[in-house]
Protein backbone atom coordinates (compact mmCIF):
# COMPACT_ATOMS: atom_id res chain seq x y z
CA UNK A 1 114.64 65.99 104.43
CA UNK A 2 115.01 67.18 100.84
CA UNK A 3 118.19 68.80 99.58
CA UNK A 4 116.23 72.01 98.82
CA UNK A 5 115.05 72.31 102.43
CA UNK A 6 118.59 71.72 103.69
CA UNK A 7 119.83 74.54 101.45
CA UNK A 8 117.09 76.85 102.71
CA UNK A 9 117.91 76.03 106.32
CA UNK A 10 121.59 76.66 105.75
CA UNK A 11 120.93 80.00 104.10
CA UNK A 12 118.62 81.09 106.89
CA UNK A 13 121.30 80.26 109.46
CA UNK A 14 123.74 82.41 107.50
CA UNK A 15 121.24 85.27 107.40
CA UNK A 16 120.71 85.13 111.15
CA UNK A 17 124.49 85.16 111.63
CA UNK A 18 125.03 88.37 109.67
CA UNK A 19 121.92 90.33 110.65
CA UNK A 20 121.92 91.75 114.21
CA UNK A 21 119.11 91.04 116.62
CA UNK A 22 118.54 94.60 117.67
CA UNK A 23 117.74 97.62 115.59
CA UNK A 24 115.17 100.18 114.67
CA UNK A 25 111.50 99.87 115.54
CA UNK A 26 109.53 100.01 112.33
CA UNK A 27 106.34 102.01 111.92
CA UNK A 28 104.80 101.94 108.42
CA UNK A 29 102.91 105.14 109.25
CA UNK A 30 106.13 106.88 110.29
CA UNK A 31 105.86 110.65 110.07
CA UNK A 32 108.67 112.62 108.46
CA UNK A 33 109.55 116.27 109.01
CA UNK A 34 107.64 118.65 106.80
CA UNK A 35 109.31 118.70 103.38
CA UNK A 36 110.92 121.98 102.38
CA UNK A 37 110.23 121.24 98.71
CA UNK A 38 108.72 118.58 96.43
CA UNK A 39 110.56 117.27 93.36
CA UNK A 40 107.57 117.70 91.05
CA UNK A 41 109.59 119.77 88.60
CA UNK A 42 113.01 118.39 89.43
CA UNK A 43 115.08 116.88 92.20
CA UNK A 44 117.30 119.17 94.21
CA UNK A 45 120.87 118.00 94.68
CA UNK A 46 122.81 117.69 97.90
CA UNK A 47 126.04 116.04 98.95
CA UNK A 48 125.89 112.75 100.86
CA UNK A 49 127.57 114.39 103.87
CA UNK A 50 125.00 117.20 103.99
CA UNK A 51 122.33 114.51 104.43
CA UNK A 52 124.32 112.46 106.94
CA UNK A 53 125.78 109.89 104.54
CA UNK A 54 129.34 108.68 104.13
CA UNK A 55 130.46 109.30 100.53
CA UNK A 56 133.60 107.20 101.06
CA UNK A 57 131.46 104.06 101.37
CA UNK A 58 129.56 105.02 98.23
CA UNK A 59 132.83 105.44 96.36
CA UNK A 60 133.93 102.03 97.60
CA UNK A 61 130.66 100.64 96.30
CA UNK A 62 131.36 101.96 92.81
CA UNK A 63 134.88 100.52 92.91
CA UNK A 64 133.50 97.09 93.80
CA UNK A 65 130.88 97.26 91.07
CA UNK A 66 133.59 98.12 88.56
CA UNK A 67 136.00 95.45 89.85
CA UNK A 68 133.35 92.75 89.69
CA UNK A 69 132.00 93.77 86.31
CA UNK A 70 128.41 94.10 87.58
CA UNK A 71 126.35 95.49 84.70
CA UNK A 72 124.72 98.26 86.69
CA UNK A 73 123.11 100.84 84.43
CA UNK A 74 122.09 103.38 87.05
CA UNK A 75 122.11 104.00 90.79
CA UNK A 76 120.01 106.83 92.20
CA UNK A 77 119.91 107.60 95.93
CA UNK A 78 117.46 110.04 97.48
CA UNK A 79 118.05 110.90 101.14
CA UNK A 80 115.83 113.25 103.14
CA UNK A 81 114.19 114.28 99.86
CA UNK A 82 117.43 115.26 98.13
CA UNK A 83 119.28 113.58 95.29
CA UNK A 84 122.60 112.75 96.95
CA UNK A 85 124.04 110.16 94.57
CA UNK A 86 123.51 109.42 90.89
CA UNK A 87 125.72 107.29 88.70
CA UNK A 88 125.35 105.75 85.24
CA UNK A 89 128.32 103.36 85.13
CA UNK A 90 127.79 102.11 81.58
CA UNK A 91 128.21 104.38 78.59
CA UNK A 92 124.97 103.29 76.89
CA UNK A 93 122.80 104.89 79.62
CA UNK A 94 122.58 108.42 80.99
CA UNK A 95 120.25 110.69 82.95
CA UNK A 96 117.73 110.90 80.10
CA UNK A 97 117.72 107.21 79.15
CA UNK A 98 114.58 105.18 79.67
CA UNK A 99 115.22 101.72 81.07
CA UNK A 100 112.93 98.73 81.06
CA UNK A 101 111.83 98.08 84.64
CA UNK A 102 110.30 94.64 84.02
CA UNK A 103 108.26 93.49 87.04
CA UNK A 104 108.66 96.78 88.92
CA UNK A 105 105.61 97.50 86.74
CA UNK A 106 103.59 95.31 89.11
CA UNK A 107 104.03 97.79 91.96
CA UNK A 108 102.70 100.62 89.76
CA UNK A 109 99.69 98.48 88.85
CA UNK A 110 99.10 97.83 92.56
CA UNK A 111 99.09 101.57 93.23
CA UNK A 112 96.45 102.05 90.55
CA UNK A 113 94.30 99.34 92.13
CA UNK A 114 94.50 101.18 95.46
CA UNK A 115 93.50 104.45 93.82
CA UNK A 116 90.59 102.78 92.01
CA UNK A 117 89.29 101.38 95.31
CA UNK A 118 89.66 104.73 97.06
CA UNK A 119 87.71 106.48 94.28
CA UNK A 120 84.89 103.95 94.42
CA UNK A 121 85.48 102.20 91.11
CA UNK A 122 86.13 98.93 92.96
CA UNK A 123 84.36 98.02 96.17
CA UNK A 124 87.21 96.37 98.09
CA UNK A 125 90.03 93.83 97.98
CA UNK A 126 87.41 91.22 98.87
CA UNK A 127 85.68 91.68 95.50
CA UNK A 128 85.58 88.48 93.44
CA UNK A 129 87.60 88.15 90.24
CA UNK A 130 84.64 86.82 88.25
CA UNK A 131 82.60 89.88 89.28
CA UNK A 132 85.42 92.29 88.43
CA UNK A 133 85.79 90.87 84.90
CA UNK A 134 82.17 90.01 84.10
CA UNK A 135 80.41 88.75 80.96
CA UNK A 136 83.10 86.24 80.11
CA UNK A 137 82.91 82.52 79.44
CA UNK A 138 85.73 81.06 81.52
CA UNK A 139 87.15 77.57 81.06
CA UNK A 140 87.96 75.34 84.04
CA UNK A 141 85.54 77.32 86.15
CA UNK A 142 84.98 75.70 89.54
CA UNK A 143 84.26 76.74 93.12
CA UNK A 144 87.92 77.51 93.73
CA UNK A 145 88.21 79.84 90.76
CA UNK A 146 84.91 81.49 91.66
CA UNK A 147 86.31 82.34 95.11
CA UNK A 148 89.43 84.19 93.87
CA UNK A 149 89.42 87.74 95.23
CA UNK A 150 91.34 90.87 94.38
CA UNK A 151 93.37 90.31 97.55
CA UNK A 152 94.47 86.90 96.26
CA UNK A 153 95.70 88.45 93.02
CA UNK A 154 97.52 91.24 94.85
CA UNK A 155 99.34 88.81 97.15
CA UNK A 156 99.97 86.17 94.44
CA UNK A 157 97.91 83.53 96.24
CA UNK A 158 95.21 83.07 93.61
CA UNK A 159 95.79 79.32 93.27
CA UNK A 160 96.15 79.30 89.48
CA UNK A 161 98.31 76.56 88.00
CA UNK A 162 101.25 78.75 87.09
CA UNK A 163 105.02 78.27 86.74
CA UNK A 164 107.24 80.97 85.28
CA UNK A 165 110.42 80.15 87.20
CA UNK A 166 111.27 76.52 86.46
CA UNK A 167 111.91 77.09 82.76
CA UNK A 168 113.55 80.13 81.11
CA UNK A 169 111.22 82.88 79.99
CA UNK A 170 112.11 81.99 76.40
CA UNK A 171 110.71 78.46 76.80
CA UNK A 172 107.24 77.56 75.56
CA UNK A 173 106.90 75.52 78.78
CA UNK A 174 107.02 78.75 80.79
CA UNK A 175 103.58 80.03 81.87
CA UNK A 176 104.67 83.60 81.15
CA UNK A 177 105.68 82.65 77.60
CA UNK A 178 102.31 80.97 77.05
CA UNK A 179 100.48 84.04 78.35
CA UNK A 180 102.57 86.43 76.28
CA UNK A 181 101.93 84.67 72.99
CA UNK A 182 98.25 83.83 73.55
CA UNK A 183 95.85 85.40 71.05
CA UNK A 184 93.77 86.77 73.93
CA UNK A 185 96.10 87.28 76.86
CA UNK A 186 93.57 88.06 79.60
CA UNK A 187 91.27 85.24 78.54
CA UNK A 188 94.19 82.82 78.52
CA UNK A 189 94.93 83.64 82.16
CA UNK A 190 91.30 83.36 83.20
CA UNK A 191 91.04 79.95 81.50
CA UNK A 192 94.09 78.58 83.35
CA UNK A 193 93.23 75.59 85.60
CA UNK A 194 93.43 75.85 89.36
CA UNK A 195 96.19 74.10 91.32
CA UNK A 196 95.37 75.23 94.87
CA UNK A 197 92.63 76.79 96.93
CA UNK A 198 92.91 80.59 96.82
CA UNK A 199 94.97 81.82 99.75
CA UNK A 200 96.66 78.46 100.27
CA UNK A 201 99.95 78.81 98.37
CA UNK A 202 102.07 81.73 97.19
CA UNK A 203 103.09 81.32 93.55
CA UNK A 204 104.84 84.04 91.57
CA UNK A 205 102.43 84.91 88.76
CA UNK A 206 102.72 87.67 86.20
CA UNK A 207 99.38 86.43 84.94
CA UNK A 208 97.66 87.54 88.12
CA UNK A 209 99.34 90.95 87.84
CA UNK A 210 98.09 91.38 84.28
CA UNK A 211 94.57 90.58 85.50
CA UNK A 212 94.94 93.43 88.02
CA UNK A 213 95.58 95.85 85.17
CA UNK A 214 92.58 94.51 83.24
CA UNK A 215 90.43 94.92 86.36
CA UNK A 216 91.42 98.60 86.70
CA UNK A 217 90.58 99.15 83.03
CA UNK A 218 87.21 97.39 83.37
CA UNK A 219 86.29 99.25 86.56
CA UNK A 220 87.35 102.77 85.56
CA UNK A 221 86.50 102.66 81.86
CA UNK A 222 89.98 104.04 81.15
CA UNK A 223 93.02 102.41 79.67
CA UNK A 224 95.49 101.47 82.40
CA UNK A 225 98.15 103.87 81.10
CA UNK A 226 95.66 106.74 80.78
CA UNK A 227 94.47 106.15 84.34
CA UNK A 228 98.10 106.12 85.49
CA UNK A 229 98.84 109.40 83.72
CA UNK A 230 95.82 111.10 85.25
CA UNK A 231 95.96 109.74 88.79
CA UNK A 232 99.62 108.89 89.37
CA UNK A 233 102.17 110.33 86.97
CA UNK A 234 100.80 113.86 86.48
CA UNK A 235 100.64 114.68 90.22
CA UNK A 236 104.29 113.61 90.50
CA UNK A 237 105.40 115.70 87.52
CA UNK A 238 106.28 112.60 85.47
CA UNK A 239 105.83 113.30 81.76
CA UNK A 240 103.91 110.68 79.77
CA UNK A 241 106.35 111.23 76.91
CA UNK A 242 109.11 109.84 79.16
CA UNK A 243 107.27 106.53 79.65
CA UNK A 244 106.73 103.54 77.39
CA UNK A 245 103.97 101.18 78.51
CA UNK A 246 103.43 98.17 76.20
CA UNK A 247 100.08 96.62 75.29
CA UNK A 248 99.01 93.01 74.90
CA UNK A 249 97.45 91.43 71.83
CA UNK A 250 94.01 92.81 72.69
CA UNK A 251 95.21 96.34 73.39
CA UNK A 252 95.26 95.99 77.18
CA UNK A 253 98.26 97.65 78.78
CA UNK A 254 100.37 95.06 80.53
CA UNK A 255 99.88 95.12 84.29
CA UNK A 256 102.79 92.78 84.89
CA UNK A 257 105.86 94.22 83.18
CA UNK A 258 107.51 95.93 80.27
CA UNK A 259 107.25 99.58 81.32
CA UNK A 260 110.24 101.80 80.51
CA UNK A 261 111.07 104.86 82.63
CA UNK A 262 114.00 107.07 83.54
CA UNK A 263 115.52 106.29 86.95
CA UNK A 264 114.77 109.73 88.41
CA UNK A 265 111.07 109.15 87.77
CA UNK A 266 111.31 105.70 89.35
CA UNK A 267 112.71 107.47 92.41
CA UNK A 268 109.65 109.76 92.46
CA UNK A 269 107.40 106.71 92.68
CA UNK A 270 109.43 105.36 95.59
CA UNK A 271 109.36 108.80 97.24
CA UNK A 272 105.56 108.86 96.98
CA UNK A 273 105.42 105.62 98.97
CA UNK A 274 108.07 106.87 101.38
CA UNK A 275 105.73 109.78 102.15
CA UNK A 276 102.76 107.50 102.84
CA UNK A 277 101.16 108.23 99.47
CA UNK A 278 101.15 112.02 99.85
CA UNK A 279 102.68 114.48 97.41
CA UNK A 280 102.82 118.21 98.03
CA UNK A 281 99.67 118.18 100.15
CA UNK A 282 97.71 115.76 97.94
CA UNK A 283 96.89 112.18 98.97
CA UNK A 284 97.73 110.45 95.68
CA UNK A 285 97.60 106.88 97.02
CA UNK A 286 95.60 106.03 100.15
CA UNK A 287 97.90 105.88 103.18
CA UNK A 288 96.37 102.57 104.26
CA UNK A 289 97.25 101.11 100.86
CA UNK A 290 100.85 102.17 101.35
CA UNK A 291 100.85 100.56 104.79
CA UNK A 292 99.55 97.29 103.36
CA UNK A 293 102.23 97.42 100.67
CA UNK A 294 104.96 97.96 103.27
CA UNK A 295 103.70 95.25 105.63
CA UNK A 296 104.61 91.60 105.12
CA UNK A 297 101.35 89.87 104.21
CA UNK A 298 102.96 86.62 103.08
CA UNK A 299 105.95 85.34 105.07
CA UNK A 300 108.76 83.45 103.32
CA UNK A 301 111.03 83.53 106.38
CA UNK A 302 111.97 85.93 109.17
CA UNK A 303 113.64 88.35 106.76
CA UNK A 304 111.57 88.32 103.60
CA UNK A 305 108.03 88.31 102.37
CA UNK A 306 105.49 89.75 99.98
CA UNK A 307 102.66 92.23 100.10
CA UNK A 308 100.56 94.02 97.47
CA UNK A 309 102.93 93.45 94.53
CA UNK A 310 105.89 94.62 96.64
CA UNK A 311 108.68 92.52 98.15
CA UNK A 312 109.34 93.11 101.83
CA UNK A 313 112.55 92.72 103.85
CA UNK A 314 111.68 93.16 107.56
CA UNK A 315 115.21 92.88 108.91
CA UNK A 316 116.28 93.83 112.43
CA UNK A 317 118.66 96.43 111.01
CA UNK A 318 116.19 98.47 109.00
CA UNK A 319 112.98 97.57 107.22
CA UNK A 320 112.97 97.72 103.45
CA UNK A 321 110.32 97.11 100.86
CA UNK A 322 110.90 97.14 97.13
CA UNK A 323 109.50 97.05 93.65
CA UNK A 324 111.56 94.33 91.97
CA UNK A 325 112.15 93.57 88.30
CA UNK A 326 113.91 90.88 86.29
CA UNK A 327 117.66 91.31 85.74
CA UNK A 328 118.25 93.71 88.59
CA UNK A 329 115.64 96.48 88.53
CA UNK A 330 114.82 97.80 92.00
CA UNK A 331 113.04 100.65 93.76
CA UNK A 332 113.97 100.29 97.44
CA UNK A 333 112.00 102.24 100.06
CA UNK A 334 113.67 102.54 103.48
CA UNK A 335 111.39 104.52 105.81
CA UNK A 336 113.63 104.54 108.91
CA UNK A 337 116.41 106.20 106.94
CA UNK A 338 114.12 108.49 104.90
CA UNK A 339 115.70 107.05 101.79
CA UNK A 340 114.83 105.73 98.33
CA UNK A 341 117.34 103.79 96.24
CA UNK A 342 116.89 102.92 92.56
CA UNK A 343 118.88 100.41 90.54
CA UNK A 344 118.55 99.63 86.86
CA UNK A 345 120.71 96.81 85.57
CA UNK A 346 121.43 94.42 82.74
CA UNK A 347 122.69 91.50 84.81
CA UNK A 348 121.96 87.82 84.15
CA UNK A 349 118.82 86.55 85.94
CA UNK A 350 120.91 84.63 88.48
CA UNK A 351 122.80 87.82 89.42
CA UNK A 352 119.72 89.90 90.22
CA UNK A 353 120.40 89.44 93.94
CA UNK A 354 123.55 91.54 93.87
CA UNK A 355 121.62 94.81 94.16
CA UNK A 356 120.18 93.97 97.61
CA UNK A 357 123.68 92.88 98.62
CA UNK A 358 125.06 96.24 97.52
CA UNK A 359 122.24 98.03 99.34
CA UNK A 360 122.93 96.28 102.67
CA UNK A 361 126.69 96.22 102.26
CA UNK A 362 127.29 99.85 101.29
CA UNK A 363 124.29 102.15 100.95
CA UNK A 364 122.51 101.43 104.23
CA UNK A 365 125.77 101.55 106.25
CA UNK A 366 126.62 104.85 104.55
CA UNK A 367 123.34 106.27 105.88
CA UNK A 368 123.71 104.98 109.43
CA UNK A 369 125.72 106.59 112.20
CA UNK A 370 128.62 104.90 113.92
CA UNK A 371 126.42 103.74 116.81
CA UNK A 372 123.97 101.89 114.57
CA UNK A 373 123.52 98.13 115.05
CA UNK A 374 125.11 97.41 111.69
CA UNK A 375 128.19 99.52 112.26
CA UNK A 376 128.68 97.99 115.73
CA UNK A 377 129.46 94.73 113.96
CA UNK A 378 132.83 96.28 113.21
CA UNK A 379 132.16 97.47 109.70
CA UNK A 380 129.93 96.57 106.82
CA UNK A 381 128.70 93.09 106.12
CA UNK A 382 130.95 91.43 103.60
CA UNK A 383 129.85 91.58 99.98
CA UNK A 384 130.63 87.89 99.52
CA UNK A 385 128.57 86.79 102.51
CA UNK A 386 125.55 88.82 101.43
CA UNK A 387 125.80 87.52 97.90
CA UNK A 388 125.33 84.08 99.45
CA UNK A 389 122.62 84.89 101.97
CA UNK A 390 120.46 87.42 100.21
CA UNK A 391 119.27 85.16 97.38
CA UNK A 392 116.72 83.74 99.80
CA UNK A 393 115.31 87.25 100.14
CA UNK A 394 114.51 87.98 96.52
CA UNK A 395 113.22 86.41 93.36
CA UNK A 396 116.66 85.30 92.21
CA UNK A 397 116.61 82.45 94.72
CA UNK A 398 114.07 80.63 92.63
CA UNK A 399 116.42 80.50 89.68
CA UNK A 400 119.04 78.93 91.91
CA UNK A 401 117.21 76.31 93.94
CA UNK A 402 114.09 75.87 91.82
CA UNK A 403 111.45 76.44 94.47
CA UNK A 404 108.22 77.54 92.81
CA UNK A 405 105.71 77.71 95.63
CA UNK A 406 105.71 78.66 99.28
CA UNK A 407 103.04 77.66 101.75
CA UNK A 408 101.37 80.88 102.81
CA UNK A 409 101.45 82.11 106.40
CA UNK A 410 99.37 85.22 106.98
CA UNK A 411 100.43 87.69 109.64
């Protein structure tokens, strides 16, 4: 047995030791009480205690962040639709500061794909890539590449030969680096050779995510950012002037990363998903698309997986799904607790797993009553233990144990 598999097995044993075997029953279509307001114009504030949270645990969290020197730039917590906690620990960021969200961008692109399908611009997730980006001469075209569907791109199982985690992003050996500096970025991705049959192997690929953005542009006849303003940001009251969305060398807006937003607007996006895609009586994103995004479509292990450009954490305590970005950017959606949590950070790549640790160690316990499964363990899970076990749950694990691909198991 390889050393990597031994490490994985050990980590999974640790996870099972710290996560209880009983908890909430998850329903992605969970109905919430009728909202008494919508934060289209602004969030309304409330105290943690007024929304059933323990502020003492949140204060402890901030002490630990400060003691450990974790470069956390913002933490925003929305509970029951109210802004109950907001901190900007570092002096170079405040409430009005845009922050790069890196690969959280992918979850926004996914939402736009869902909207485009709902509005009839794209037939379905079974549509073929070569049909969605037509009239192109594609290198290395074979039967495998011809069978790539939109679903494969959404779940990162396209089969392209792609590796953006073995080497640093600054290395010319990194697939992301090669894509970024190609003269025609979309064409470069399309020309990439195949390594697997579509649907066979999960491989993290920003290239596939950028193709999703190009597909939305091709199908709708609108630039990706313009489509997002019209169909996503405006209904939520998010001002286009508060967003920076970069373009590639051909003028296509990047579908994979680089967007900059203020944390309160990131929380609005999470709140939209928390409410099954509805916003003040309008179905902005199809509810079925939200369900697919919350479900685990690709299993990594019992406690982590992937869906439509969202990471999923189906634990037995509570179920969480998240938009995740390089260096500690997160939008956590926790339906059972009616809660959204946003982190922006400037941590090293290998420390990007600390935010989930903080979430499970402090924020979730603060929102759970004393009879909850987690609190019956005799207190919160230790920060140190979670810092060890949670890497297997998020992208940071791949920087640590160099695993690039996971065999796909559909559920």
